[in-house]
């Protein structure tokens, strides 16, 4: 891989910005840049990143960040063009192009009706963990920040009882909202996830652990009460079993508070 010449990179990414409304020309220009900065000693044409199931150019982070910096204002101002380009990037099928597609979605106005359709379709079929995380965090950025009520409606739909295949997406999507310093509507989160925790499916153990930890950090008192209340209902013995399994990974004070309820069960 050649050394990164910042002046040259700036010109290259500026050219991409000029091609923002021409996806058919943008994609080859982007691939030319990605090819230029490949470390060929680490990659063959079809190699994949260690944690990816997609072919990848192994592009350095600073290259993608520079491209994103050039494209973000254009995506914010031109929803139609951003969606068309995002579709082309997604269909190209590389890790980098799909990450850029997910990034573009996160800069499109929540008022754009087609945004939710893209998010729903892509999150249902995504297999790559890197792209999945980006879709559930970066792609939902404006929706989560500007229209939190609409965001919660979307997540609630993902967490419907008959959509277990989407439960993990719903829980992961909630994490950035819970961690936001200006978010105070934790009761709405408790209401949404209550039936999921009570159902206690084994395949969600990691997601439930992450969301309990995030909730506890945001509000220890409310979260402790919430989990205790679920345990006291005793509707599903699997719930107690799940909490026992994740207990060692929870904050110490929360562990102590929950142990009495677990003993009673």
C-alpha atoms as a PDB file:
ATOM      1  CA  UNK A   1       0.000   0.000   0.000  1.00  0.00           C
ATOM      2  CA  UNK A   2       1.409   3.426  -0.911  1.00  0.00           C
ATOM      3  CA  UNK A   3       1.860   6.036   1.797  1.00  0.00           C
ATOM      4  CA  UNK A   4      -1.207   8.190   2.208  1.00  0.00           C
ATOM      5  CA  UNK A   5      -0.637  11.559   0.547  1.00  0.00           C
ATOM      6  CA  UNK A   6      -3.273  13.736   2.218  1.00  0.00           C
ATOM      7  CA  UNK A   7      -3.266  16.354  -0.533  1.00  0.00           C
ATOM      8  CA  UNK A   8      -3.782  13.684  -3.175  1.00  0.00           C
ATOM      9  CA  UNK A   9      -6.433  11.923  -1.105  1.00  0.00           C
ATOM     10  CA  UNK A  10      -8.288  15.206  -0.723  1.00  0.00           C
ATOM     11  CA  UNK A  11      -8.408  15.621  -4.504  1.00  0.00           C
ATOM     12  CA  UNK A  12      -9.540  12.011  -4.974  1.00  0.00           C
ATOM     13  CA  UNK A  13     -12.379  12.282  -2.472  1.00  0.00           C
ATOM     14  CA  UNK A  14     -13.408  15.679  -3.849  1.00  0.00           C
ATOM     15  CA  UNK A  15     -13.796  14.009  -7.245  1.00  0.00           C
ATOM     16  CA  UNK A  16     -16.047  11.399  -5.640  1.00  0.00           C
ATOM     17  CA  UNK A  17     -18.184  14.209  -4.259  1.00  0.00           C
ATOM     18  CA  UNK A  18     -18.488  15.640  -7.780  1.00  0.00           C
ATOM     19  CA  UNK A  19     -19.792  12.242  -8.930  1.00  0.00           C
ATOM     20  CA  UNK A  20     -22.293  11.893  -6.087  1.00  0.00           C
ATOM     21  CA  UNK A  21     -25.269  12.158  -8.450  1.00  0.00           C
ATOM     22  CA  UNK A  22     -23.780   9.693 -10.962  1.00  0.00           C
ATOM     23  CA  UNK A  23     -23.682   6.274  -9.277  1.00  0.00           C
ATOM     24  CA  UNK A  24     -22.612   4.439 -12.441  1.00  0.00           C
ATOM     25  CA  UNK A  25     -19.466   6.593 -12.602  1.00  0.00           C
ATOM     26  CA  UNK A  26     -19.015   6.974  -8.844  1.00  0.00           C
ATOM     27  CA  UNK A  27     -18.601   3.241  -8.180  1.00  0.00           C
ATOM     28  CA  UNK A  28     -15.630   2.688 -10.549  1.00  0.00           C
ATOM     29  CA  UNK A  29     -13.991   5.869  -9.233  1.00  0.00           C
ATOM     30  CA  UNK A  30     -14.413   4.648  -5.678  1.00  0.00           C
ATOM     31  CA  UNK A  31     -13.039   1.212  -6.529  1.00  0.00           C
ATOM     32  CA  UNK A  32     -10.010   2.859  -8.115  1.00  0.00           C
ATOM     33  CA  UNK A  33      -9.269   4.639  -4.828  1.00  0.00           C
ATOM     34  CA  UNK A  34      -9.859   1.516  -2.743  1.00  0.00           C
ATOM     35  CA  UNK A  35      -7.585  -0.500  -5.024  1.00  0.00           C
ATOM     36  CA  UNK A  36      -4.868   2.129  -4.752  1.00  0.00           C
ATOM     37  CA  UNK A  37      -4.648   1.887  -0.987  1.00  0.00           C
ATOM     38  CA  UNK A  38      -4.769  -1.884  -0.727  1.00  0.00           C
ATOM     39  CA  UNK A  39      -1.984  -3.643   1.126  1.00  0.00           C
ATOM     40  CA  UNK A  40      -1.495  -6.385  -1.458  1.00  0.00           C
ATOM     41  CA  UNK A  41       0.713  -8.423   0.864  1.00  0.00           C
ATOM     42  CA  UNK A  42      -2.343  -9.012   3.076  1.00  0.00           C
ATOM     43  CA  UNK A  43      -5.000  -9.665   0.497  1.00  0.00           C
ATOM     44  CA  UNK A  44      -6.010 -11.561  -2.581  1.00  0.00           C
ATOM     45  CA  UNK A  45      -8.888 -10.363  -4.709  1.00  0.00           C
ATOM     46  CA  UNK A  46     -11.426 -12.476  -2.832  1.00  0.00           C
ATOM     47  CA  UNK A  47      -9.976 -12.261   0.662  1.00  0.00           C
ATOM     48  CA  UNK A  48     -12.144 -11.163   3.544  1.00  0.00           C
ATOM     49  CA  UNK A  49     -11.545  -9.263   6.751  1.00  0.00           C
ATOM     50  CA  UNK A  50     -11.058 -11.472   9.842  1.00  0.00           C
ATOM     51  CA  UNK A  51     -14.518 -10.636  11.194  1.00  0.00           C
ATOM     52  CA  UNK A  52     -16.259 -10.161   7.862  1.00  0.00           C
ATOM     53  CA  UNK A  53     -18.127 -12.495   5.542  1.00  0.00           C
ATOM     54  CA  UNK A  54     -17.799 -10.047   2.646  1.00  0.00           C
ATOM     55  CA  UNK A  55     -14.935  -9.524   0.204  1.00  0.00           C
ATOM     56  CA  UNK A  56     -12.927  -6.488   1.270  1.00  0.00           C
ATOM     57  CA  UNK A  57     -10.241  -4.116   0.051  1.00  0.00           C
ATOM     58  CA  UNK A  58      -8.801  -3.913   3.590  1.00  0.00           C
ATOM     59  CA  UNK A  59      -9.054  -0.163   3.297  1.00  0.00           C
ATOM     60  CA  UNK A  60      -7.364   1.849   6.067  1.00  0.00           C
ATOM     61  CA  UNK A  61      -9.853   3.579   8.364  1.00  0.00           C
ATOM     62  CA  UNK A  62      -8.599   7.063   7.498  1.00  0.00           C
ATOM     63  CA  UNK A  63      -9.413   6.547   3.813  1.00  0.00           C
ATOM     64  CA  UNK A  64     -13.040   5.654   4.505  1.00  0.00           C
ATOM     65  CA  UNK A  65     -13.339   8.486   7.021  1.00  0.00           C
ATOM     66  CA  UNK A  66     -12.122  10.993   4.451  1.00  0.00           C
ATOM     67  CA  UNK A  67     -14.620   9.691   1.890  1.00  0.00           C
ATOM     68  CA  UNK A  68     -17.423   9.857   4.452  1.00  0.00           C
ATOM     69  CA  UNK A  69     -16.465  13.423   5.348  1.00  0.00           C
ATOM     70  CA  UNK A  70     -16.858  14.485   1.723  1.00  0.00           C
ATOM     71  CA  UNK A  71     -20.161  12.684   1.215  1.00  0.00           C
ATOM     72  CA  UNK A  72     -22.004  13.466   4.463  1.00  0.00           C
ATOM     73  CA  UNK A  73     -23.173  17.023   3.603  1.00  0.00           C
ATOM     74  CA  UNK A  74     -24.312  15.865   0.166  1.00  0.00           C
ATOM     75  CA  UNK A  75     -26.340  13.015   1.646  1.00  0.00           C
ATOM     76  CA  UNK A  76     -27.951  15.359   4.156  1.00  0.00           C
ATOM     77  CA  UNK A  77     -29.065  17.748   1.406  1.00  0.00           C
ATOM     78  CA  UNK A  78     -29.957  15.320  -1.405  1.00  0.00           C
ATOM     79  CA  UNK A  79     -32.049  12.389  -0.184  1.00  0.00           C
ATOM     80  CA  UNK A  80     -32.933  11.056  -3.642  1.00  0.00           C
ATOM     81  CA  UNK A  81     -29.339  11.039  -4.843  1.00  0.00           C
ATOM     82  CA  UNK A  82     -28.116   9.578  -1.555  1.00  0.00           C
ATOM     83  CA  UNK A  83     -30.603   6.698  -1.771  1.00  0.00           C
ATOM     84  CA  UNK A  84     -29.688   5.930  -5.377  1.00  0.00           C
ATOM     85  CA  UNK A  85     -25.992   5.916  -4.562  1.00  0.00           C
ATOM     86  CA  UNK A  86     -26.549   3.860  -1.395  1.00  0.00           C
ATOM     87  CA  UNK A  87     -28.418   1.240  -3.437  1.00  0.00           C
ATOM     88  CA  UNK A  88     -25.538   0.966  -5.919  1.00  0.00           C
ATOM     89  CA  UNK A  89     -22.967   0.766  -3.139  1.00  0.00           C
ATOM     90  CA  UNK A  90     -24.957  -1.943  -1.382  1.00  0.00           C
ATOM     91  CA  UNK A  91     -25.356  -3.998  -4.549  1.00  0.00           C
ATOM     92  CA  UNK A  92     -21.605  -3.798  -5.239  1.00  0.00           C
ATOM     93  CA  UNK A  93     -21.263  -6.188  -2.321  1.00  0.00           C
ATOM     94  CA  UNK A  94     -17.916  -5.327  -0.735  1.00  0.00           C
ATOM     95  CA  UNK A  95     -17.446  -4.613   2.946  1.00  0.00           C
ATOM     96  CA  UNK A  96     -16.337  -1.036   2.249  1.00  0.00           C
ATOM     97  CA  UNK A  97     -19.137  -0.267  -0.200  1.00  0.00           C
ATOM     98  CA  UNK A  98     -21.810  -1.596   2.150  1.00  0.00           C
ATOM     99  CA  UNK A  99     -20.363   0.346   5.072  1.00  0.00           C
ATOM    100  CA  UNK A 100     -20.534   3.491   2.924  1.00  0.00           C
ATOM    101  CA  UNK A 101     -24.117   2.644   1.976  1.00  0.00           C
ATOM    102  CA  UNK A 102     -25.031   2.307   5.657  1.00  0.00           C
ATOM    103  CA  UNK A 103     -23.235   5.579   6.388  1.00  0.00           C
ATOM    104  CA  UNK A 104     -25.229   7.420   3.734  1.00  0.00           C
ATOM    105  CA  UNK A 105     -28.534   6.189   5.179  1.00  0.00           C
ATOM    106  CA  UNK A 106     -27.587   7.751   8.502  1.00  0.00           C
ATOM    107  CA  UNK A 107     -27.380  11.209   6.900  1.00  0.00           C
ATOM    108  CA  UNK A 108     -30.701  11.093   5.077  1.00  0.00           C
ATOM    109  CA  UNK A 109     -33.559  13.053   6.627  1.00  0.00           C
ATOM    110  CA  UNK A 110     -36.012  10.948   8.681  1.00  0.00           C
ATOM    111  CA  UNK A 111     -38.762  12.619   6.661  1.00  0.00           C
ATOM    112  CA  UNK A 112     -37.701  10.564   3.643  1.00  0.00           C
ATOM    113  CA  UNK A 113     -40.337   7.813   3.423  1.00  0.00           C
ATOM    114  CA  UNK A 114     -38.057   5.322   1.672  1.00  0.00           C
ATOM    115  CA  UNK A 115     -35.448   5.411   4.432  1.00  0.00           C
ATOM    116  CA  UNK A 116     -37.271   2.987   6.717  1.00  0.00           C
ATOM    117  CA  UNK A 117     -37.947   0.627   3.813  1.00  0.00           C
ATOM    118  CA  UNK A 118     -34.209   0.414   3.087  1.00  0.00           C
ATOM    119  CA  UNK A 119     -33.316  -0.078   6.737  1.00  0.00           C
ATOM    120  CA  UNK A 120     -35.900  -2.799   7.235  1.00  0.00           C
ATOM    121  CA  UNK A 121     -34.936  -4.666   4.058  1.00  0.00           C
ATOM    122  CA  UNK A 122     -31.187  -4.493   4.634  1.00  0.00           C
ATOM    123  CA  UNK A 123     -31.247  -5.370   8.333  1.00  0.00           C
ATOM    124  CA  UNK A 124     -33.370  -8.447   7.602  1.00  0.00           C
ATOM    125  CA  UNK A 125     -30.864  -9.964   5.205  1.00  0.00           C
ATOM    126  CA  UNK A 126     -27.485  -8.663   6.389  1.00  0.00           C
ATOM    127  CA  UNK A 127     -25.029 -11.365   7.450  1.00  0.00           C
ATOM    128  CA  UNK A 128     -21.820  -9.429   7.961  1.00  0.00           C
ATOM    129  CA  UNK A 129     -21.431  -8.355  11.630  1.00  0.00           C
ATOM    130  CA  UNK A 130     -19.604  -5.132  10.722  1.00  0.00           C
ATOM    131  CA  UNK A 131     -22.309  -3.994   8.324  1.00  0.00           C
ATOM    132  CA  UNK A 132     -25.064  -5.094  10.705  1.00  0.00           C
ATOM    133  CA  UNK A 133     -23.609  -2.971  13.496  1.00  0.00           C
ATOM    134  CA  UNK A 134     -23.309   0.021  11.171  1.00  0.00           C
ATOM    135  CA  UNK A 135     -26.923  -0.343  10.010  1.00  0.00           C
ATOM    136  CA  UNK A 136     -28.189  -0.507  13.594  1.00  0.00           C
ATOM    137  CA  UNK A 137     -26.107   2.453  14.778  1.00  0.00           C
ATOM    138  CA  UNK A 138     -24.870   4.787  12.012  1.00  0.00           C
ATOM    139  CA  UNK A 139     -27.820   4.296   9.646  1.00  0.00           C
ATOM    140  CA  UNK A 140     -30.299   5.140  12.389  1.00  0.00           C
ATOM    141  CA  UNK A 141     -28.405   8.210  13.645  1.00  0.00           C
ATOM    142  CA  UNK A 142     -30.715  10.974  12.412  1.00  0.00           C
ATOM    143  CA  UNK A 143     -33.887   8.993  13.024  1.00  0.00           C
ATOM    144  CA  UNK A 144     -32.757   8.251  16.584  1.00  0.00           C
ATOM    145  CA  UNK A 145     -31.730  11.842  17.318  1.00  0.00           C
ATOM    146  CA  UNK A 146     -34.349  13.899  15.477  1.00  0.00           C
ATOM    147  CA  UNK A 147     -37.443  11.712  15.782  1.00  0.00           C
ATOM    148  CA  UNK A 148     -36.937   9.423  18.802  1.00  0.00           C
ATOM    149  CA  UNK A 149     -40.647   8.556  18.950  1.00  0.00           C
ATOM    150  CA  UNK A 150     -40.575   7.304  15.355  1.00  0.00           C
ATOM    151  CA  UNK A 151     -37.363   5.432  16.116  1.00  0.00           C
ATOM    152  CA  UNK A 152     -39.004   3.654  19.047  1.00  0.00           C
ATOM    153  CA  UNK A 153     -41.986   2.724  16.876  1.00  0.00           C
ATOM    154  CA  UNK A 154     -39.598   1.082  14.400  1.00  0.00           C
ATOM    155  CA  UNK A 155     -37.758  -0.836  17.132  1.00  0.00           C
ATOM    156  CA  UNK A 156     -41.058  -1.913  18.685  1.00  0.00           C
ATOM    157  CA  UNK A 157     -42.074  -3.389  15.324  1.00  0.00           C
ATOM    158  CA  UNK A 158     -38.798  -5.323  15.204  1.00  0.00           C
ATOM    159  CA  UNK A 159     -39.534  -6.681  18.686  1.00  0.00           C
ATOM    160  CA  UNK A 160     -43.048  -7.965  17.943  1.00  0.00           C
ATOM    161  CA  UNK A 161     -43.567 -11.524  19.313  1.00  0.00           C
ATOM    162  CA  UNK A 162     -43.883 -13.062  15.843  1.00  0.00           C
ATOM    163  CA  UNK A 163     -40.630 -11.500  14.626  1.00  0.00           C
ATOM    164  CA  UNK A 164     -38.061 -13.317  16.737  1.00  0.00           C
ATOM    165  CA  UNK A 165     -35.557 -13.197  13.887  1.00  0.00           C
ATOM    166  CA  UNK A 166     -35.470  -9.389  14.329  1.00  0.00           C
ATOM    167  CA  UNK A 167     -35.284  -9.268  18.128  1.00  0.00           C
ATOM    168  CA  UNK A 168     -31.501  -9.073  18.192  1.00  0.00           C
ATOM    169  CA  UNK A 169     -31.586  -6.140  15.754  1.00  0.00           C
ATOM    170  CA  UNK A 170     -34.117  -4.332  17.914  1.00  0.00           C
ATOM    171  CA  UNK A 171     -32.104  -4.745  21.103  1.00  0.00           C
ATOM    172  CA  UNK A 172     -28.840  -3.679  19.484  1.00  0.00           C
ATOM    173  CA  UNK A 173     -30.489  -0.648  17.888  1.00  0.00           C
ATOM    174  CA  UNK A 174     -31.615   0.568  21.320  1.00  0.00           C
ATOM    175  CA  UNK A 175     -28.100   0.723  22.773  1.00  0.00           C
ATOM    176  CA  UNK A 176     -27.006   4.091  21.298  1.00  0.00           C
ATOM    177  CA  UNK A 177     -30.275   5.698  22.423  1.00  0.00           C
ATOM    178  CA  UNK A 178     -29.892   4.397  25.976  1.00  0.00           C
ATOM    179  CA  UNK A 179     -26.286   5.636  26.067  1.00  0.00           C
ATOM    180  CA  UNK A 180     -27.196   9.126  24.799  1.00  0.00           C
ATOM    181  CA  UNK A 181     -26.684  11.615  27.617  1.00  0.00           C
ATOM    182  CA  UNK A 182     -29.779  13.626  26.713  1.00  0.00           C
ATOM    183  CA  UNK A 183     -32.170  10.650  26.599  1.00  0.00           C
ATOM    184  CA  UNK A 184     -34.401  10.463  29.666  1.00  0.00           C
ATOM    185  CA  UNK A 185     -37.367   8.311  28.614  1.00  0.00           C
ATOM    186  CA  UNK A 186     -36.094   5.046  30.062  1.00  0.00           C
ATOM    187  CA  UNK A 187     -39.608   3.835  31.012  1.00  0.00           C
ATOM    188  CA  UNK A 188     -40.388   3.548  27.301  1.00  0.00           C
ATOM    189  CA  UNK A 189     -37.362   1.282  26.884  1.00  0.00           C
ATOM    190  CA  UNK A 190     -38.411  -0.868  29.839  1.00  0.00           C
ATOM    191  CA  UNK A 191     -41.879  -1.295  28.325  1.00  0.00           C
ATOM    192  CA  UNK A 192     -40.449  -2.348  24.959  1.00  0.00           C
ATOM    193  CA  UNK A 193     -37.943  -4.906  26.225  1.00  0.00           C
ATOM    194  CA  UNK A 194     -39.993  -6.326  29.109  1.00  0.00           C
ATOM    195  CA  UNK A 195     -41.619  -9.145  27.081  1.00  0.00           C
ATOM    196  CA  UNK A 196     -38.298  -9.950  25.389  1.00  0.00           C
ATOM    197  CA  UNK A 197     -36.461 -10.472  28.675  1.00  0.00           C
ATOM    198  CA  UNK A 198     -39.370 -12.424  30.087  1.00  0.00           C
ATOM    199  CA  UNK A 199     -39.355 -14.710  27.035  1.00  0.00           C
ATOM    200  CA  UNK A 200     -35.613 -15.207  27.666  1.00  0.00           C
ATOM    201  CA  UNK A 201     -34.580 -16.933  24.431  1.00  0.00           C
ATOM    202  CA  UNK A 202     -31.086 -18.363  24.739  1.00  0.00           C
ATOM    203  CA  UNK A 203     -29.903 -16.908  21.439  1.00  0.00           C
ATOM    204  CA  UNK A 204     -30.424 -13.381  22.848  1.00  0.00           C
ATOM    205  CA  UNK A 205     -28.323 -13.875  25.967  1.00  0.00           C
ATOM    206  CA  UNK A 206     -25.516 -11.574  24.786  1.00  0.00           C
ATOM    207  CA  UNK A 207     -27.915  -8.877  23.590  1.00  0.00           C
ATOM    208  CA  UNK A 208     -29.900  -8.929  26.842  1.00  0.00           C
ATOM    209  CA  UNK A 209     -26.688  -8.731  28.853  1.00  0.00           C
ATOM    210  CA  UNK A 210     -25.553  -5.681  26.856  1.00  0.00           C
ATOM    211  CA  UNK A 211     -28.849  -3.843  27.209  1.00  0.00           C
ATOM    212  CA  UNK A 212     -29.123  -4.489  30.967  1.00  0.00           C
ATOM    213  CA  UNK A 213     -25.603  -3.171  31.473  1.00  0.00           C
ATOM    214  CA  UNK A 214     -26.383  -0.060  29.413  1.00  0.00           C
ATOM    215  CA  UNK A 215     -29.636   0.547  31.298  1.00  0.00           C
ATOM    216  CA  UNK A 216     -27.929   0.100  34.658  1.00  0.00           C
ATOM    217  CA  UNK A 217     -25.270   2.620  33.730  1.00  0.00           C
ATOM    218  CA  UNK A 218     -27.983   5.106  32.729  1.00  0.00           C
ATOM    219  CA  UNK A 219     -30.122   4.505  35.836  1.00  0.00           C
ATOM    220  CA  UNK A 220     -29.075   1.911  38.450  1.00  0.00           C
ATOM    221  CA  UNK A 221     -32.178   2.323  40.617  1.00  0.00           C
ATOM    222  CA  UNK A 222     -34.742   2.030  37.830  1.00  0.00           C
ATOM    223  CA  UNK A 223     -32.957  -0.881  36.192  1.00  0.00           C
ATOM    224  CA  UNK A 224     -32.626  -2.836  39.434  1.00  0.00           C
ATOM    225  CA  UNK A 225     -36.331  -2.376  40.138  1.00  0.00           C
ATOM    226  CA  UNK A 226     -37.201  -3.369  36.567  1.00  0.00           C
ATOM    227  CA  UNK A 227     -35.274  -6.668  36.646  1.00  0.00           C
ATOM    228  CA  UNK A 228     -36.489  -7.529  40.155  1.00  0.00           C
ATOM    229  CA  UNK A 229     -40.064  -6.973  39.056  1.00  0.00           C
ATOM    230  CA  UNK A 230     -39.628  -9.378  36.129  1.00  0.00           C
ATOM    231  CA  UNK A 231     -38.177 -12.043  38.431  1.00  0.00           C
ATOM    232  CA  UNK A 232     -40.974 -11.665  40.969  1.00  0.00           C
ATOM    233  CA  UNK A 233     -43.652 -12.409  38.385  1.00  0.00           C
ATOM    234  CA  UNK A 234     -42.259 -15.945  37.917  1.00  0.00           C
ATOM    235  CA  UNK A 235     -44.211 -16.426  34.693  1.00  0.00           C
ATOM    236  CA  UNK A 236     -41.331 -18.093  32.884  1.00  0.00           C
ATOM    237  CA  UNK A 237     -38.638 -20.098  34.748  1.00  0.00           C
ATOM    238  CA  UNK A 238     -36.330 -19.546  31.789  1.00  0.00           C
ATOM    239  CA  UNK A 239     -36.139 -15.882  32.753  1.00  0.00           C
ATOM    240  CA  UNK A 240     -34.505 -16.710  36.084  1.00  0.00           C
ATOM    241  CA  UNK A 241     -32.151 -19.109  34.327  1.00  0.00           C
ATOM    242  CA  UNK A 242     -31.094 -16.415  31.863  1.00  0.00           C
ATOM    243  CA  UNK A 243     -30.440 -13.873  34.617  1.00  0.00           C
ATOM    244  CA  UNK A 244     -28.398 -16.480  36.526  1.00  0.00           C
ATOM    245  CA  UNK A 245     -26.257 -17.076  33.443  1.00  0.00           C
ATOM    246  CA  UNK A 246     -25.481 -13.431  32.827  1.00  0.00           C
ATOM    247  CA  UNK A 247     -25.275 -12.430  36.509  1.00  0.00           C
ATOM    248  CA  UNK A 248     -21.448 -12.727  36.767  1.00  0.00           C
ATOM    249  CA  UNK A 249     -21.058 -10.223  33.912  1.00  0.00           C
ATOM    250  CA  UNK A 250     -23.335  -7.588  35.463  1.00  0.00           C
ATOM    251  CA  UNK A 251     -22.169  -4.740  37.737  1.00  0.00           C
ATOM    252  CA  UNK A 252     -21.399  -5.947  41.259  1.00  0.00           C
ATOM    253  CA  UNK A 253     -24.091  -3.885  42.977  1.00  0.00           C
ATOM    254  CA  UNK A 254     -26.712  -5.192  40.559  1.00  0.00           C
ATOM    255  CA  UNK A 255     -25.566  -8.775  41.158  1.00  0.00           C
ATOM    256  CA  UNK A 256     -26.032  -8.367  44.906  1.00  0.00           C
ATOM    257  CA  UNK A 257     -29.471  -6.808  44.456  1.00  0.00           C
ATOM    258  CA  UNK A 258     -30.680  -9.621  42.194  1.00  0.00           C
ATOM    259  CA  UNK A 259     -29.317 -12.579  44.163  1.00  0.00           C
ATOM    260  CA  UNK A 260     -32.174 -12.548  46.710  1.00  0.00           C
ATOM    261  CA  UNK A 261     -34.800 -12.697  43.986  1.00  0.00           C
ATOM    262  CA  UNK A 262     -32.963 -15.481  42.205  1.00  0.00           C
ATOM    263  CA  UNK A 263     -32.740 -17.521  45.431  1.00  0.00           C
ATOM    264  CA  UNK A 264     -36.475 -17.141  45.930  1.00  0.00           C
ATOM    265  CA  UNK A 265     -37.045 -18.551  42.447  1.00  0.00           C
END
